[in-house]
C-alpha atoms as a PDB file:
ATOM      1  CA  MET A   1     127.496 115.709 143.740  1.00  0.00           C
ATOM      2  CA  LYS A   2     124.037 114.150 144.026  1.00  0.00           C
ATOM      3  CA  ASP A   3     122.405 117.541 143.321  1.00  0.00           C
ATOM      4  CA  PHE A   4     124.650 118.030 140.331  1.00  0.00           C
ATOM      5  CA  LEU A   5     123.653 114.644 138.854  1.00  0.00           C
ATOM      6  CA  SER A   6     119.973 115.399 139.477  1.00  0.00           C
ATOM      7  CA  ILE A   7     120.209 118.725 137.667  1.00  0.00           C
ATOM      8  CA  LEU A   8     122.190 117.143 134.834  1.00  0.00           C
ATOM      9  CA  PHE A   9     119.568 114.393 134.497  1.00  0.00           C
ATOM     10  CA  ILE A  10     116.756 116.987 134.351  1.00  0.00           C
ATOM     11  CA  LEU A  11     118.583 119.048 131.725  1.00  0.00           C
ATOM     12  CA  ILE A  12     119.230 116.006 129.548  1.00  0.00           C
ATOM     13  CA  SER A  13     115.609 114.864 129.922  1.00  0.00           C
ATOM     14  CA  VAL A  14     114.226 118.266 128.937  1.00  0.00           C
ATOM     15  CA  SER A  15     116.522 118.549 125.932  1.00  0.00           C
ATOM     16  CA  ALA A  16     115.520 115.061 124.780  1.00  0.00           C
ATOM     17  CA  ILE A  17     111.882 116.133 124.423  1.00  0.00           C
ATOM     18  CA  ALA A  18     111.320 116.970 120.782  1.00  0.00           C
ATOM     19  CA  LYS A  19     108.390 117.199 118.461  1.00  0.00           C
ATOM     20  CA  VAL A  20     108.156 114.023 116.430  1.00  0.00           C
ATOM     21  CA  GLU A  21     105.808 114.062 113.451  1.00  0.00           C
ATOM     22  CA  ALA A  22     104.453 111.049 111.660  1.00  0.00           C
ATOM     23  CA  PRO A  23     105.973 110.499 108.207  1.00  0.00           C
ATOM     24  CA  ASN A  24     102.577 111.070 106.594  1.00  0.00           C
ATOM     25  CA  TYR A  25     101.702 114.130 108.648  1.00  0.00           C
ATOM     26  CA  ASP A  26     101.968 116.379 105.611  1.00  0.00           C
ATOM     27  CA  PHE A  27     100.552 113.845 103.141  1.00  0.00           C
ATOM     28  CA  SER A  28      97.140 114.784 101.813  1.00  0.00           C
ATOM     29  CA  VAL A  29      94.387 112.684 100.288  1.00  0.00           C
ATOM     30  CA  ASP A  30      94.393 115.418  97.630  1.00  0.00           C
ATOM     31  CA  LYS A  31      97.432 113.649  96.168  1.00  0.00           C
ATOM     32  CA  PHE A  32      94.953 111.095  94.770  1.00  0.00           C
ATOM     33  CA  LYS A  33      92.609 113.708  93.258  1.00  0.00           C
ATOM     34  CA  GLU A  34      94.427 113.530  89.956  1.00  0.00           C
ATOM     35  CA  PHE A  35      93.689 109.773  89.826  1.00  0.00           C
ATOM     36  CA  ALA A  36      89.981 110.231  90.631  1.00  0.00           C
ATOM     37  CA  PRO A  37      87.502 108.159  88.617  1.00  0.00           C
ATOM     38  CA  GLY A  38      86.183 110.152  85.669  1.00  0.00           C
ATOM     39  CA  THR A  39      89.462 112.034  85.170  1.00  0.00           C
ATOM     40  CA  GLN A  40      91.144 112.021  81.754  1.00  0.00           C
ATOM     41  CA  ILE A  41      94.291 109.880  81.675  1.00  0.00           C
ATOM     42  CA  ALA A  42      96.255 111.796  78.994  1.00  0.00           C
ATOM     43  CA  PRO A  43      97.687 114.537  81.280  1.00  0.00           C
ATOM     44  CA  LEU A  44      98.754 111.923  83.844  1.00  0.00           C
ATOM     45  CA  ILE A  45     100.539 109.839  81.219  1.00  0.00           C
ATOM     46  CA  GLU A  46     102.385 112.987  80.139  1.00  0.00           C
ATOM     47  CA  LYS A  47     103.278 113.909  83.747  1.00  0.00           C
ATOM     48  CA  TYR A  48     104.216 110.502  85.223  1.00  0.00           C
ATOM     49  CA  LYS A  49     105.186 108.292  82.257  1.00  0.00           C
ATOM     50  CA  PRO A  50     103.494 105.186  83.752  1.00  0.00           C
ATOM     51  CA  VAL A  51     104.000 101.590  82.691  1.00  0.00           C
ATOM     52  CA  VAL A  52     101.121  99.604  81.161  1.00  0.00           C
ATOM     53  CA  VAL A  53     100.731  96.477  83.298  1.00  0.00           C
ATOM     54  CA  GLY A  54      97.603  95.000  81.762  1.00  0.00           C
ATOM     55  CA  LYS A  55      94.948  95.160  79.097  1.00  0.00           C
ATOM     56  CA  ASP A  56      91.690  93.351  79.649  1.00  0.00           C
ATOM     57  CA  ASN A  57      88.244  93.669  77.993  1.00  0.00           C
ATOM     58  CA  GLY A  58      88.813  97.225  76.757  1.00  0.00           C
ATOM     59  CA  ALA A  59      90.415  98.394  80.002  1.00  0.00           C
ATOM     60  CA  THR A  60      94.061  99.361  80.359  1.00  0.00           C
ATOM     61  CA  THR A  61      95.834  99.262  83.720  1.00  0.00           C
ATOM     62  CA  TYR A  62      98.732 101.624  84.380  1.00  0.00           C
ATOM     63  CA  LYS A  63     101.310 101.495  87.150  1.00  0.00           C
ATOM     64  CA  PHE A  64     102.187 104.918  88.572  1.00  0.00           C
ATOM     65  CA  TYR A  65     104.710 105.786  91.244  1.00  0.00           C
ATOM     66  CA  VAL A  66     103.496 108.449  93.665  1.00  0.00           C
ATOM     67  CA  ALA A  67     106.268 110.241  95.545  1.00  0.00           C
ATOM     68  CA  HIS A  68     106.164 111.360  99.164  1.00  0.00           C
ATOM     69  CA  ILE A  69     109.241 112.746 100.879  1.00  0.00           C
ATOM     70  CA  ARG A  70     112.019 110.273  99.885  1.00  0.00           C
ATOM     71  CA  TYR A  71     109.725 107.354  99.107  1.00  0.00           C
ATOM     72  CA  LYS A  72     107.647 106.223  96.161  1.00  0.00           C
ATOM     73  CA  PHE A  73     104.654 103.924  96.317  1.00  0.00           C
ATOM     74  CA  VAL A  74     102.670 102.156  93.625  1.00  0.00           C
ATOM     75  CA  THR A  75      99.277 103.307  92.437  1.00  0.00           C
ATOM     76  CA  LEU A  76      97.456 101.181  89.868  1.00  0.00           C
ATOM     77  CA  VAL A  77      95.026 103.060  87.646  1.00  0.00           C
ATOM     78  CA  GLN A  78      92.504 101.418  85.340  1.00  0.00           C
ATOM     79  CA  VAL A  79      91.238 103.279  82.271  1.00  0.00           C
ATOM     80  CA  VAL A  80      88.372 102.747  79.820  1.00  0.00           C
ATOM     81  CA  ASP A  81      87.903 105.078  76.844  1.00  0.00           C
ATOM     82  CA  SER A  82      90.630 107.479  78.085  1.00  0.00           C
ATOM     83  CA  LYS A  83      88.866 107.991  81.450  1.00  0.00           C
ATOM     84  CA  ILE A  84      89.944 106.615  84.803  1.00  0.00           C
ATOM     85  CA  THR A  85      87.470 104.087  86.215  1.00  0.00           C
ATOM     86  CA  ASP A  86      89.286 103.232  89.436  1.00  0.00           C
ATOM     87  CA  PHE A  87      92.621 103.303  91.213  1.00  0.00           C
ATOM     88  CA  HIS A  88      94.317 101.265  93.909  1.00  0.00           C
ATOM     89  CA  ALA A  89      97.199 102.664  95.964  1.00  0.00           C
ATOM     90  CA  ARG A  90      99.371 100.447  98.136  1.00  0.00           C
ATOM     91  CA  LEU A  91     100.173 102.838 100.962  1.00  0.00           C
ATOM     92  CA  PRO A  92     103.558 102.865 102.699  1.00  0.00           C
ATOM     93  CA  HIS A  93     103.647 101.133 106.070  1.00  0.00           C
ATOM     94  CA  TYR A  94     105.538 104.029 107.585  1.00  0.00           C
ATOM     95  CA  PHE A  95     102.314 106.067 107.312  1.00  0.00           C
ATOM     96  CA  LEU A  96     100.246 106.093 110.474  1.00  0.00           C
ATOM     97  CA  HIS A  97      96.756 104.636 110.206  1.00  0.00           C
ATOM     98  CA  ASP A  98      95.142 107.132 112.582  1.00  0.00           C
ATOM     99  CA  ILE A  99      96.290 110.134 110.586  1.00  0.00           C
ATOM    100  CA  PHE A 100      95.350 108.738 107.174  1.00  0.00           C
ATOM    101  CA  HIS A 101      91.980 107.412 108.361  1.00  0.00           C
ATOM    102  CA  GLN A 102      91.165 110.737 110.019  1.00  0.00           C
ATOM    103  CA  SER A 103      91.985 112.591 106.811  1.00  0.00           C
ATOM    104  CA  LEU A 104      89.443 110.403 104.988  1.00  0.00           C
ATOM    105  CA  ILE A 105      86.842 111.047 107.706  1.00  0.00           C
ATOM    106  CA  ASN A 106      87.510 114.784 107.481  1.00  0.00           C
ATOM    107  CA  ARG A 107      86.994 114.616 103.724  1.00  0.00           C
ATOM    108  CA  TYR A 108      84.060 112.175 103.360  1.00  0.00           C
ATOM    109  CA  GLY A 109      82.514 111.933 106.834  1.00  0.00           C
ATOM    110  CA  ALA A 110      82.177 108.711 108.804  1.00  0.00           C
ATOM    111  CA  GLN A 111      82.496 105.558 106.738  1.00  0.00           C
ATOM    112  CA  ASP A 112      79.277 103.872 105.582  1.00  0.00           C
ATOM    113  CA  LYS A 113      80.585 100.344 106.127  1.00  0.00           C
ATOM    114  CA  TYR A 114      83.172  98.887 108.441  1.00  0.00           C
ATOM    115  CA  LYS A 115      84.443  95.320 108.672  1.00  0.00           C
ATOM    116  CA  LYS A 116      87.080  94.066 111.094  1.00  0.00           C
ATOM    117  CA  ASN A 117      88.835  90.751 110.682  1.00  0.00           C
ATOM    118  CA  GLU A 118      91.350  89.983 113.430  1.00  0.00           C
ATOM    119  CA  GLU A 119      93.895  92.825 113.301  1.00  0.00           C
ATOM    120  CA  SER A 120      92.778  94.308 109.950  1.00  0.00           C
ATOM    121  CA  ALA A 121      89.882  96.602 109.141  1.00  0.00           C
ATOM    122  CA  LEU A 122      88.127  97.698 105.969  1.00  0.00           C
ATOM    123  CA  TYR A 123      86.386 101.071 105.719  1.00  0.00           C
ATOM    124  CA  ILE A 124      84.014 101.943 102.865  1.00  0.00           C
ATOM    125  CA  TRP A 125      82.536 105.316 101.926  1.00  0.00           C
ATOM    126  CA  GLU A 126      79.756 104.806  99.394  1.00  0.00           C
ATOM    127  CA  ASN A 127      78.764 107.110  96.550  1.00  0.00           C
ATOM    128  CA  LYS A 128      80.612 110.264  97.578  1.00  0.00           C
ATOM    129  CA  ASP A 129      80.174 112.400  94.441  1.00  0.00           C
ATOM    130  CA  GLY A 130      79.700 109.257  92.354  1.00  0.00           C
ATOM    131  CA  VAL A 131      82.772 107.510  93.763  1.00  0.00           C
ATOM    132  CA  ASN A 132      83.137 104.714  96.308  1.00  0.00           C
ATOM    133  CA  HIS A 133      86.237 104.883  98.514  1.00  0.00           C
ATOM    134  CA  VAL A 134      87.777 101.836 100.190  1.00  0.00           C
ATOM    135  CA  TYR A 135      90.518 102.000 102.801  1.00  0.00           C
ATOM    136  CA  SER A 136      92.178  99.214 104.734  1.00  0.00           C
ATOM    137  CA  GLY A 137      94.423  99.398 107.776  1.00  0.00           C
ATOM    138  CA  ALA A 138      95.969  96.893 110.147  1.00  0.00           C
ATOM    139  CA  CYS A 139      97.593  96.835 113.557  1.00  0.00           C
ATOM    140  CA  THR A 140     100.528  94.960 115.020  1.00  0.00           C
ATOM    141  CA  ILE A 141     102.613  96.986 117.458  1.00  0.00           C
ATOM    142  CA  THR A 142     101.385 100.160 115.749  1.00  0.00           C
ATOM    143  CA  CYS A 143      98.582 100.678 113.248  1.00  0.00           C
ATOM    144  CA  PHE A 144      99.395 101.315 109.602  1.00  0.00           C
ATOM    145  CA  PRO A 145      97.493 101.641 106.316  1.00  0.00           C
ATOM    146  CA  ILE A 146      97.453  98.859 103.750  1.00  0.00           C
ATOM    147  CA  PHE A 147      95.684 100.385 100.751  1.00  0.00           C
ATOM    148  CA  TYR A 148      93.374 103.112  99.544  1.00  0.00           C
ATOM    149  CA  SER A 149      91.180 102.572  96.519  1.00  0.00           C
ATOM    150  CA  ALA A 150      88.423 104.478  94.749  1.00  0.00           C
ATOM    151  CA  TYR A 151      86.087 103.415  91.969  1.00  0.00           C
ATOM    152  CA  ASP A 152      83.309 104.883  89.875  1.00  0.00           C
ATOM    153  CA  SER A 153      79.892 104.096  91.392  1.00  0.00           C
ATOM    154  CA  LYS A 154      77.665 105.820  88.838  1.00  0.00           C
ATOM    155  CA  THR A 155      78.819 104.741  85.376  1.00  0.00           C
ATOM    156  CA  LYS A 156      77.430 101.528  83.940  1.00  0.00           C
ATOM    157  CA  PHE A 157      80.199  99.506  82.348  1.00  0.00           C
ATOM    158  CA  SER A 158      79.928  96.477  80.086  1.00  0.00           C
ATOM    159  CA  SER A 159      79.363  93.123  81.770  1.00  0.00           C
ATOM    160  CA  SER A 160      82.923  92.067  80.883  1.00  0.00           C
ATOM    161  CA  PHE A 161      84.467  94.988  82.827  1.00  0.00           C
ATOM    162  CA  THR A 162      85.961  94.231  86.260  1.00  0.00           C
ATOM    163  CA  PHE A 163      87.191  96.802  88.793  1.00  0.00           C
ATOM    164  CA  LEU A 164      90.752  96.486  90.112  1.00  0.00           C
ATOM    165  CA  MET A 165      89.565  95.581  93.623  1.00  0.00           C
ATOM    166  CA  LYS A 166      87.511  92.682  92.312  1.00  0.00           C
ATOM    167  CA  LYS A 167      90.394  91.491  90.139  1.00  0.00           C
ATOM    168  CA  MET A 168      92.676  91.471  93.189  1.00  0.00           C
ATOM    169  CA  ILE A 169      90.161  89.634  95.333  1.00  0.00           C
ATOM    170  CA  GLU A 170      89.679  87.019  92.613  1.00  0.00           C
ATOM    171  CA  ALA A 171      93.446  86.659  92.360  1.00  0.00           C
ATOM    172  CA  GLU A 172      93.557  86.239  96.176  1.00  0.00           C
ATOM    173  CA  TYR A 173      95.463  89.477  96.669  1.00  0.00           C
END
C-alpha cells in the first residue's frame, strides 16, 4: 500500500508540472510603434476612435485603449500639428516587469539612466532615433511594470508646450 501511494504521489506530481507563461509573454513593444513620436495621428484616430481628454497650448491629448489578450489598458497620446509628440501607457500589473524590461533592453540596449526609490525604479533610454523612452517598474511580492512613455527629443516646441510626463509630475501623478 505504501508503494502504491508513493507511485500515485509521483504520478500526480509529474502531471502537475506544466508550462506557465507570463501574461505578457507574447506582448511586444512593437505594439507602441504606431504611437511613436513623429507619427501622423489621422490613421490612429480612424483605427481606434479615441476620446479627446484635453487641449492645452495647441496640443491635443487623446485617450486610446490598447488591447492585449482579454484586457485593455489606457495609452495617452499628445499631438501637435497632427503629429504625435509623446505617449504615456499605463501598463497592466499582470505583466511581468522582467519580461517587459528585457524587451526594452533588447530593443534599445542598456538604459542610459536608472533611479531607484524604495521598491520602484525608473529607467530612461535617451535619444534613441530622436526619441527618449521612460519605463517604470515596482516590486512587492512580484515585480510589475507601472508605465512606459516615449517623447520626442529632437523637435523644438514652443515654450508653452509641456510633455505628458511633465504634466503628470506637476499634477503629482
